[in-house]
Protein backbone atom coordinates (compact mmCIF):
# COMPACT_ATOMS: atom_id res chain seq x y z
CA UNK A 1 13.32 -27.14 -2.40
CA UNK A 2 10.28 -26.64 -4.56
CA UNK A 3 7.76 -23.92 -3.87
CA UNK A 4 4.38 -23.35 -5.72
CA UNK A 5 3.39 -19.71 -4.91
CA UNK A 6 -0.78 -19.81 -5.10
CA UNK A 7 -1.23 -15.63 -6.69
CA UNK A 8 0.77 -14.13 -8.62
CA UNK A 9 -0.15 -10.60 -7.49
CA UNK A 10 2.02 -7.59 -5.54
CA UNK A 11 3.16 -10.05 -2.78
CA UNK A 12 3.20 -13.24 -4.87
CA UNK A 13 5.36 -12.34 -7.30
CA UNK A 14 7.85 -10.21 -5.11
CA UNK A 15 8.21 -13.33 -2.60
CA UNK A 16 8.43 -15.90 -5.73
CA UNK A 17 11.17 -14.28 -7.23
CA UNK A 18 13.17 -13.61 -3.54
CA UNK A 19 12.80 -17.35 -2.85
CA UNK A 20 13.80 -18.36 -6.28
CA UNK A 21 16.81 -15.95 -5.95
CA UNK A 22 17.87 -17.87 -2.44
CA UNK A 23 17.72 -21.21 -4.85
CA UNK A 24 14.73 -22.47 -4.57
CA UNK A 25 12.65 -23.43 -7.09
CA UNK A 26 9.48 -21.65 -7.61
CA UNK A 27 6.30 -21.73 -9.42
CA UNK A 28 4.08 -19.18 -9.88
CA UNK A 29 -0.10 -20.22 -10.03
CA UNK A 30 -2.54 -17.58 -10.77
CA UNK A 31 -6.28 -17.31 -12.46
CA UNK A 32 -5.65 -14.31 -14.11
CA UNK A 33 -3.92 -15.35 -17.94
CA UNK A 34 -2.60 -12.51 -18.56
CA UNK A 35 -0.56 -12.34 -15.64
CA UNK A 36 1.10 -15.76 -16.54
CA UNK A 37 1.14 -14.71 -20.16
CA UNK A 38 3.41 -11.92 -18.97
CA UNK A 39 5.90 -13.84 -16.94
CA UNK A 40 6.91 -10.74 -15.24
CA UNK A 41 5.64 -8.63 -12.46
CA UNK A 42 3.43 -5.48 -13.68
CA UNK A 43 3.76 -3.76 -10.84
CA UNK A 44 6.19 -0.62 -10.26
CA UNK A 45 8.43 -1.49 -7.48
CA UNK A 46 10.82 1.81 -7.72
CA UNK A 47 14.77 0.81 -8.03
CA UNK A 48 14.67 -2.33 -6.18
CA UNK A 49 15.09 -5.34 -8.52
CA UNK A 50 15.77 -8.96 -8.48
CA UNK A 51 17.39 -11.22 -11.46
CA UNK A 52 16.47 -14.97 -11.49
CA UNK A 53 15.53 -17.68 -13.88
CA UNK A 54 14.85 -20.17 -11.39
CA UNK A 55 11.12 -19.72 -11.39
CA UNK A 56 8.67 -20.43 -13.60
CA UNK A 57 4.74 -19.50 -14.48
CA UNK A 58 1.95 -21.89 -14.04
CA UNK A 59 -1.44 -21.18 -14.87
CA UNK A 60 -3.52 -24.07 -13.87
CA UNK A 61 -2.70 -25.29 -10.18
CA UNK A 62 -2.57 -29.19 -11.27
CA UNK A 63 0.78 -28.71 -13.00
CA UNK A 64 2.04 -27.94 -9.88
CA UNK A 65 1.03 -31.39 -8.10
CA UNK A 66 4.61 -32.05 -7.64
CA UNK A 67 5.32 -29.22 -5.40
CA UNK A 68 6.29 -30.08 -1.52
CA UNK A 69 5.58 -26.50 -0.12
CA UNK A 70 2.45 -24.30 -1.57
CA UNK A 71 2.17 -20.69 -0.78
CA UNK A 72 -1.17 -18.72 -0.51
CA UNK A 73 -0.08 -14.50 -0.98
CA UNK A 74 -3.53 -13.46 0.07
CA UNK A 75 -4.36 -12.40 3.74
CA UNK A 76 -6.25 -14.81 5.78
CA UNK A 77 -9.93 -13.51 6.95
CA UNK A 78 -9.43 -10.16 3.97
CA UNK A 79 -8.98 -13.07 1.01
CA UNK A 80 -10.68 -16.11 2.64
CA UNK A 81 -12.95 -16.54 -0.05
CA UNK A 82 -9.80 -17.07 -2.88
CA UNK A 83 -7.40 -19.21 -0.56
CA UNK A 84 -10.52 -21.37 0.22
CA UNK A 85 -10.67 -21.73 -3.46
CA UNK A 86 -7.39 -22.27 -4.12
CA UNK A 87 -7.23 -25.29 -1.16
CA UNK A 88 -10.18 -27.10 -2.86
CA UNK A 89 -8.22 -26.95 -5.93
CA UNK A 90 -5.22 -28.62 -4.12
CA UNK A 91 -7.19 -30.91 -2.59
CA UNK A 92 -8.84 -31.82 -6.14
CA UNK A 93 -5.29 -32.43 -7.14
CA UNK A 94 -4.35 -34.29 -4.51
CA UNK A 95 -7.80 -36.90 -4.94
CA UNK A 96 -6.99 -37.15 -8.88
CA UNK A 97 -3.22 -38.31 -7.90
CA UNK A 98 -3.83 -40.28 -4.71
CA UNK A 99 -2.85 -43.42 -6.34
CA UNK A 100 0.42 -41.53 -7.53
CA UNK A 101 1.22 -40.66 -3.48
CA UNK A 102 -1.60 -42.09 -0.91
CA UNK A 103 0.28 -41.28 2.26
CA UNK A 104 0.37 -37.38 1.53
CA UNK A 105 0.11 -35.32 4.20
CA UNK A 106 -0.60 -31.47 4.78
CA UNK A 107 0.33 -28.72 7.05
CA UNK A 108 -1.09 -25.42 7.12
CA UNK A 109 1.57 -22.70 8.44
CA UNK A 110 0.56 -19.24 9.02
CA UNK A 111 3.30 -16.85 7.42
CA UNK A 112 2.13 -13.12 7.12
CA UNK A 113 4.56 -10.89 5.19
CA UNK A 114 5.28 -7.34 6.08
CA UNK A 115 6.37 -5.83 2.66
CA UNK A 116 6.41 -2.50 1.95
CA UNK A 117 5.22 -1.10 -1.32
CA UNK A 118 7.98 0.24 -3.84
CA UNK A 119 10.26 -1.32 -1.08
CA UNK A 120 8.87 -4.84 -1.17
CA UNK A 121 11.96 -6.41 -2.62
CA UNK A 122 14.62 -4.88 -0.06
CA UNK A 123 11.83 -5.71 2.83
CA UNK A 124 11.95 -9.83 2.14
CA UNK A 125 15.46 -9.84 1.65
CA UNK A 126 16.27 -7.65 4.85
CA UNK A 127 13.09 -8.36 7.05
CA UNK A 128 12.52 -7.21 10.58
CA UNK A 129 11.11 -10.45 11.70
CA UNK A 130 10.19 -13.60 9.89
CA UNK A 131 6.93 -14.81 11.65
CA UNK A 132 6.14 -18.45 11.60
CA UNK A 133 2.44 -19.73 12.98
CA UNK A 134 2.18 -23.70 13.28
CA UNK A 135 1.39 -26.60 15.28
CA UNK A 136 2.97 -28.95 13.41
CA UNK A 137 6.94 -30.05 13.88
CA UNK A 138 7.72 -31.03 10.21
CA UNK A 139 5.98 -27.96 9.08
CA UNK A 140 8.42 -25.66 11.54
CA UNK A 141 11.53 -27.38 9.85
CA UNK A 142 10.47 -26.92 6.38
CA UNK A 143 9.97 -23.23 6.93
CA UNK A 144 13.38 -23.09 8.78
CA UNK A 145 15.00 -24.85 5.78
CA UNK A 146 12.90 -22.01 3.27
CA UNK A 147 14.11 -19.02 5.25
CA UNK A 148 17.57 -20.46 6.13
CA UNK A 149 19.51 -18.15 3.54
CA UNK A 150 17.98 -14.94 6.09
CA UNK A 151 20.32 -16.47 8.73
CA UNK A 152 23.18 -14.44 7.48
CA UNK A 153 21.28 -11.19 7.56
CA UNK A 154 20.82 -12.25 11.64
CA UNK A 155 16.55 -12.03 10.74
CA UNK A 156 14.98 -13.41 13.81
CA UNK A 157 12.36 -16.07 13.44
CA UNK A 158 9.33 -16.33 15.72
CA UNK A 159 7.50 -19.33 15.79
CA UNK A 160 3.96 -19.45 17.26
CA UNK A 161 0.38 -21.08 16.60
CA UNK A 162 -1.50 -20.29 13.18
CA UNK A 163 -3.95 -18.07 15.25
CA UNK A 164 -1.16 -15.98 16.88
CA UNK A 165 0.72 -15.08 13.29
CA UNK A 166 -2.50 -14.20 12.14
CA UNK A 167 -3.22 -11.77 14.78
CA UNK A 168 0.10 -10.32 14.66
CA UNK A 169 -0.32 -9.44 11.28
CA UNK A 170 -3.47 -7.46 11.72
CA UNK A 171 -2.17 -5.94 14.67
CA UNK A 172 0.93 -4.36 12.92
CA UNK A 173 -0.86 -2.85 10.26
CA UNK A 174 -3.84 -1.61 12.64
CA UNK A 175 -1.33 0.00 14.92
CA UNK A 176 0.15 1.80 12.29
CA UNK A 177 -2.51 2.70 10.50
CA UNK A 178 -4.00 4.37 13.72
CA UNK A 179 -0.37 6.39 14.28
CA UNK A 180 -1.17 7.93 11.08
CA UNK A 181 -4.67 8.50 11.71
CA UNK A 182 -3.48 9.69 15.27
CA UNK A 183 -0.83 12.70 13.77
CA UNK A 184 -4.20 13.21 11.13
CA UNK A 185 -6.04 14.51 13.95
CA UNK A 186 -3.59 16.21 16.11
CA UNK A 187 -2.83 18.39 12.54
CA UNK A 188 -6.38 19.63 12.40
CA UNK A 189 -5.92 20.88 16.10
CA UNK A 190 -2.80 22.27 14.97
CA UNK A 191 -3.94 23.98 12.41
CA UNK A 192 -6.45 25.97 14.45
CA UNK A 193 -4.03 26.92 17.58
CA UNK A 194 -1.82 28.15 15.50
CA UNK A 195 1.11 24.55 15.78
CA UNK A 196 3.70 23.10 13.70
CA UNK A 197 2.51 19.56 13.36
CA UNK A 198 5.49 18.42 11.67
CA UNK A 199 7.76 20.19 14.94
CA UNK A 200 5.00 18.07 16.87
CA UNK A 201 5.90 15.28 15.42
CA UNK A 202 9.12 15.24 15.42
CA UNK A 203 8.72 16.27 18.84
CA UNK A 204 7.06 13.19 20.12
CA UNK A 205 9.01 10.70 17.50
CA UNK A 206 12.09 11.78 19.20
CA UNK A 207 10.82 9.71 22.25
CA UNK A 208 11.71 6.07 21.52
CA UNK A 209 8.65 4.68 22.50
CA UNK A 210 6.77 5.92 20.09
CA UNK A 211 9.17 6.26 17.29
CA UNK A 212 9.19 8.87 14.33
CA UNK A 213 7.71 6.39 11.57
CA UNK A 214 4.20 6.87 10.25
CA UNK A 215 3.72 10.04 11.60
CA UNK A 216 3.65 11.94 9.03
CA UNK A 217 0.53 14.26 8.38
CA UNK A 218 -1.52 13.72 5.14
CA UNK A 219 -4.79 13.16 3.05
CA UNK A 220 -5.61 9.69 4.76
CA UNK A 221 -3.89 6.40 4.20
CA UNK A 222 -4.77 4.06 1.36
CA UNK A 223 -3.21 1.02 -0.52
CA UNK A 224 -3.90 -2.73 -0.58
CA UNK A 225 -3.10 -3.25 3.04
CA UNK A 226 -4.14 -0.86 5.78
CA UNK A 227 -7.69 -0.44 4.45
CA UNK A 228 -8.29 -3.94 4.39
CA UNK A 229 -6.39 -5.36 7.36
CA UNK A 230 -7.68 -2.98 9.97
CA UNK A 231 -11.25 -4.08 8.23
CA UNK A 232 -10.35 -7.77 8.55
CA UNK A 233 -9.16 -6.86 12.40
CA UNK A 234 -12.39 -5.73 13.28
CA UNK A 235 -14.51 -7.96 11.70
CA UNK A 236 -12.52 -10.88 12.97
CA UNK A 237 -12.86 -9.00 16.50
CA UNK A 238 -16.53 -8.87 16.19
CA UNK A 239 -17.11 -12.29 15.09
CA UNK A 240 -16.29 -13.41 18.35
CA UNK A 241 -17.62 -10.67 20.52
CA UNK A 242 -15.13 -8.34 20.68
CA UNK A 243 -15.41 -4.65 20.36
CA UNK A 244 -12.03 -3.13 19.02
CA UNK A 245 -13.04 0.60 19.67
CA UNK A 246 -9.77 2.03 18.79
CA UNK A 247 -9.32 0.33 15.02
CA UNK A 248 -13.05 1.05 14.68
CA UNK A 249 -12.20 4.83 15.37
CA UNK A 250 -9.38 4.58 12.86
CA UNK A 251 -11.13 3.15 10.23
CA UNK A 252 -13.87 5.86 10.50
CA UNK A 253 -11.61 8.71 10.96
CA UNK A 254 -9.85 7.97 8.22
CA UNK A 255 -12.65 7.67 5.43
CA UNK A 256 -14.18 11.09 6.64
CA UNK A 257 -10.76 12.53 6.25
CA UNK A 258 -10.20 11.55 2.64
CA UNK A 259 -13.85 12.94 1.73
CA UNK A 260 -12.93 16.38 3.53
CA UNK A 261 -9.54 16.71 1.77
CA UNK A 262 -11.41 18.60 -1.05
CA UNK A 263 -13.43 20.51 1.21
CA UNK A 264 -9.89 22.00 1.93
CA UNK A 265 -8.95 22.92 -1.58
CA UNK A 266 -12.35 24.64 -2.12
CA UNK A 267 -11.67 26.83 0.85
CA UNK A 268 -8.15 27.94 -0.65
CA UNK A 269 -10.24 29.25 -3.57
CA UNK A 270 -12.76 30.57 -0.97
CA UNK A 271 -15.24 28.14 -2.05
CA UNK A 272 -15.58 29.70 -5.09
CA UNK A 273 -14.77 26.48 -7.07
CA UNK A 274 -17.22 25.92 -9.79
CA UNK A 275 -16.13 25.40 -13.35
CA UNK A 276 -12.84 26.04 -12.20
CA UNK A 277 -9.60 23.92 -13.23
CA UNK A 278 -7.70 22.01 -10.38
CA UNK A 279 -4.42 20.47 -11.06
CA UNK A 280 -3.83 17.30 -9.26
CA UNK A 281 -0.01 15.91 -8.94
CA UNK A 282 0.00 12.30 -7.46
CA UNK A 283 -2.49 9.75 -7.65
CA UNK A 284 -1.39 6.79 -6.38
CA UNK A 285 -1.75 5.94 -2.63
CA UNK A 286 2.07 6.49 -2.00
CA UNK A 287 5.10 7.20 -4.51
CA UNK A 288 7.07 4.36 -5.83
CA UNK A 289 4.07 2.58 -6.60
CA UNK A 290 1.21 2.31 -9.17
CA UNK A 291 -1.03 0.95 -6.57
CA UNK A 292 -4.41 3.13 -6.78
CA UNK A 293 -6.13 0.87 -4.35
CA UNK A 294 -8.10 3.11 -1.48
CA UNK A 295 -5.47 6.18 -2.64
CA UNK A 296 -6.87 9.09 -1.45
CA UNK A 297 -6.60 10.76 -4.63
CA UNK A 298 -9.93 8.91 -5.59
CA UNK A 299 -12.02 10.94 -2.84
CA UNK A 300 -10.48 13.90 -3.63
CA UNK A 301 -11.12 13.84 -7.11
CA UNK A 302 -14.75 12.78 -6.80
CA UNK A 303 -15.60 15.53 -4.26
CA UNK A 304 -14.01 18.37 -6.59
CA UNK A 305 -15.99 16.86 -9.90
CA UNK A 306 -19.13 16.90 -7.07
CA UNK A 307 -18.67 20.65 -6.19
CA UNK A 308 -18.66 21.14 -10.13
CA UNK A 309 -14.89 21.61 -10.94
CA UNK A 310 -12.82 20.65 -13.63
CA UNK A 311 -9.69 18.12 -12.79
CA UNK A 312 -6.91 17.13 -14.78
CA UNK A 313 -3.96 15.36 -13.09
CA UNK A 314 -0.67 13.44 -13.59
CA UNK A 315 1.51 11.04 -11.66
CA UNK A 316 4.72 9.59 -13.18
CA UNK A 317 3.35 5.83 -13.26
CA UNK A 318 -0.14 5.45 -11.97
CA UNK A 319 -2.18 6.65 -14.42
CA UNK A 320 -2.98 3.81 -16.68
CA UNK A 321 -3.90 2.33 -13.18
CA UNK A 322 -5.63 5.67 -12.08
CA UNK A 323 -7.95 5.29 -15.41
CA UNK A 324 -9.65 2.61 -14.43
CA UNK A 325 -10.88 4.44 -10.89
CA UNK A 326 -11.29 8.10 -12.74
CA UNK A 327 -12.30 8.54 -16.22
CA UNK A 328 -13.99 11.64 -15.69
CA UNK A 329 -10.61 13.95 -15.94
CA UNK A 330 -7.69 14.75 -17.97
CA UNK A 331 -4.17 13.38 -17.80
CA UNK A 332 -1.44 15.07 -18.42
CA UNK A 333 2.63 13.97 -19.40
CA UNK A 334 3.94 16.23 -16.96
CA UNK A 335 3.58 18.75 -13.65
CA UNK A 336 3.64 21.64 -15.85
CA UNK A 337 1.28 20.64 -18.59
CA UNK A 338 -1.11 19.72 -15.54
CA UNK A 339 -0.39 23.01 -14.07
CA UNK A 340 -0.72 25.53 -17.17
CA UNK A 341 -3.82 27.46 -16.64
CA UNK A 342 -5.17 26.01 -13.66
CA UNK A 343 -6.86 27.92 -10.88
CA UNK A 344 -5.14 26.06 -8.08
CA UNK A 345 -2.39 23.31 -7.78
CA UNK A 346 -2.84 20.31 -5.61
CA UNK A 347 -0.12 18.01 -4.41
CA UNK A 348 -1.45 14.78 -3.08
CA UNK A 349 1.39 12.21 -3.74
CA UNK A 350 4.99 12.82 -2.68
CA UNK A 351 6.65 11.64 -5.59
CA UNK A 352 10.23 12.63 -5.65
CA UNK A 353 9.69 14.25 -9.06
CA UNK A 354 7.28 16.91 -7.39
CA UNK A 355 9.74 18.14 -4.82
CA UNK A 356 11.93 20.57 -6.60
CA UNK A 357 9.31 21.88 -9.03
CA UNK A 358 10.13 25.40 -11.14
CA UNK A 359 7.82 27.60 -8.83
CA UNK A 360 8.28 30.70 -11.01
CA UNK A 361 7.62 28.74 -14.32
CA UNK A 362 3.95 27.39 -12.46
CA UNK A 363 2.79 30.21 -11.03
CA UNK A 364 3.85 32.19 -14.58
CA UNK A 365 1.44 29.37 -16.12
CA UNK A 366 -1.42 29.14 -13.42
CA UNK A 367 -4.23 31.08 -14.05
CA UNK A 368 -4.53 31.65 -10.05
CA UNK A 369 -1.21 31.13 -8.54
CA UNK A 370 -2.55 28.79 -5.65
CA UNK A 371 -0.95 25.66 -4.04
CA UNK A 372 -2.33 22.99 -1.90
CA UNK A 373 0.44 20.98 -0.85
CA UNK A 374 -1.32 17.45 1.20
CA UNK A 375 2.02 16.19 1.75
CA UNK A 376 3.63 19.14 3.24
CA UNK A 377 6.96 18.55 0.81
CA UNK A 378 7.58 22.41 0.85
CA UNK A 379 8.23 25.45 3.30
CA UNK A 380 5.85 27.62 3.16
CA UNK A 381 7.78 30.51 3.23
CA UNK A 382 9.69 29.59 -0.35
CA UNK A 383 6.15 28.90 -1.47
CA UNK A 384 4.77 32.23 -0.77
CA UNK A 385 8.00 33.73 -1.68
CA UNK A 386 7.34 32.95 -4.92
CA UNK A 387 3.87 34.25 -5.34
CA UNK A 388 1.93 31.84 -4.22
CA UNK A 389 -1.23 31.54 -1.85
CA UNK A 390 -0.13 28.26 -0.19
CA UNK A 391 -2.01 25.63 2.25
CA UNK A 392 -0.68 23.04 3.32
CA UNK A 393 -1.53 20.19 6.40
CA UNK A 394 -1.31 20.91 9.72
CA UNK A 395 0.76 24.65 9.51
CA UNK A 396 -0.46 28.00 8.95
């Protein structure tokens, strides 16, 4: 089948490549000429890859007027202005060529994606479910044909109305964001009462009604989906006269948490932080991506700078993107250069490269052996036995 992907960003390029891998002819469209010129995905996505030549890039939307199926890769409420613009261009294309196919008709389908950054290709090829929202029977059949290759994986297809499909997407991400925020607040309580939040998370996660995923305490959630989708869901509810108090609280608590992480670092230095050098390991909002959108590191570093600290940072792949957000810090080529001479080392993103650092080397190189582990990737006894003062999340 012939497919046009409107939007060659994170979701658009992955979806386009995977559809092409299924055997469909896919054309990507984007208003960003740089994306089109590169003709490839610039986003770091870990070890996943799709190799295919059945897709092409086009800059002008009218170049794609022959396609039978057009996708917009943006969420509905969060990217409504972009979708409206794309639809207006598509309608102009139809008007310009009405003589070619005066009987042309359109159907709108809500087909939400559930792709994790860093694992998007695998998630697309092995989905938990495929949600198709449409009241048009022909569109339903077309979508079934497009996703037919996934039948071999026995991926369930859930057919709903458009409004229902859109709500499934936002409700899913809001629920996961709430789960993260909940365990973060439990972590604060665990620190005060002398409990271990990791054991608490395991204890409740073994309940199959709750599940173990998204119960990892940390500095707050970020990225392209959870902040945007929780805000969009809350805004949509208010537009319809409904107050989603749990979702609103999740948004508020998460923003506060990201800002308070700098105070946690200051506390590890007995609040004597002005003029001190803080080494930050990990800048992206999660590992296996270079995405800096609403990353907790941004609020953390802003707070440290406000306290008068000097900040140097290292991230395996995200530093070029980080420089667009954080310009008043020093960037280092590796974790050891970052830690050299620092008064405290802060682990913000749980990259695999940070899980087995040479602690003896770091302790020798640092001005003061202090580690603040905001992802709990080390065991406290191991770090303390190496001679460090060690602070983590939700553990004594």
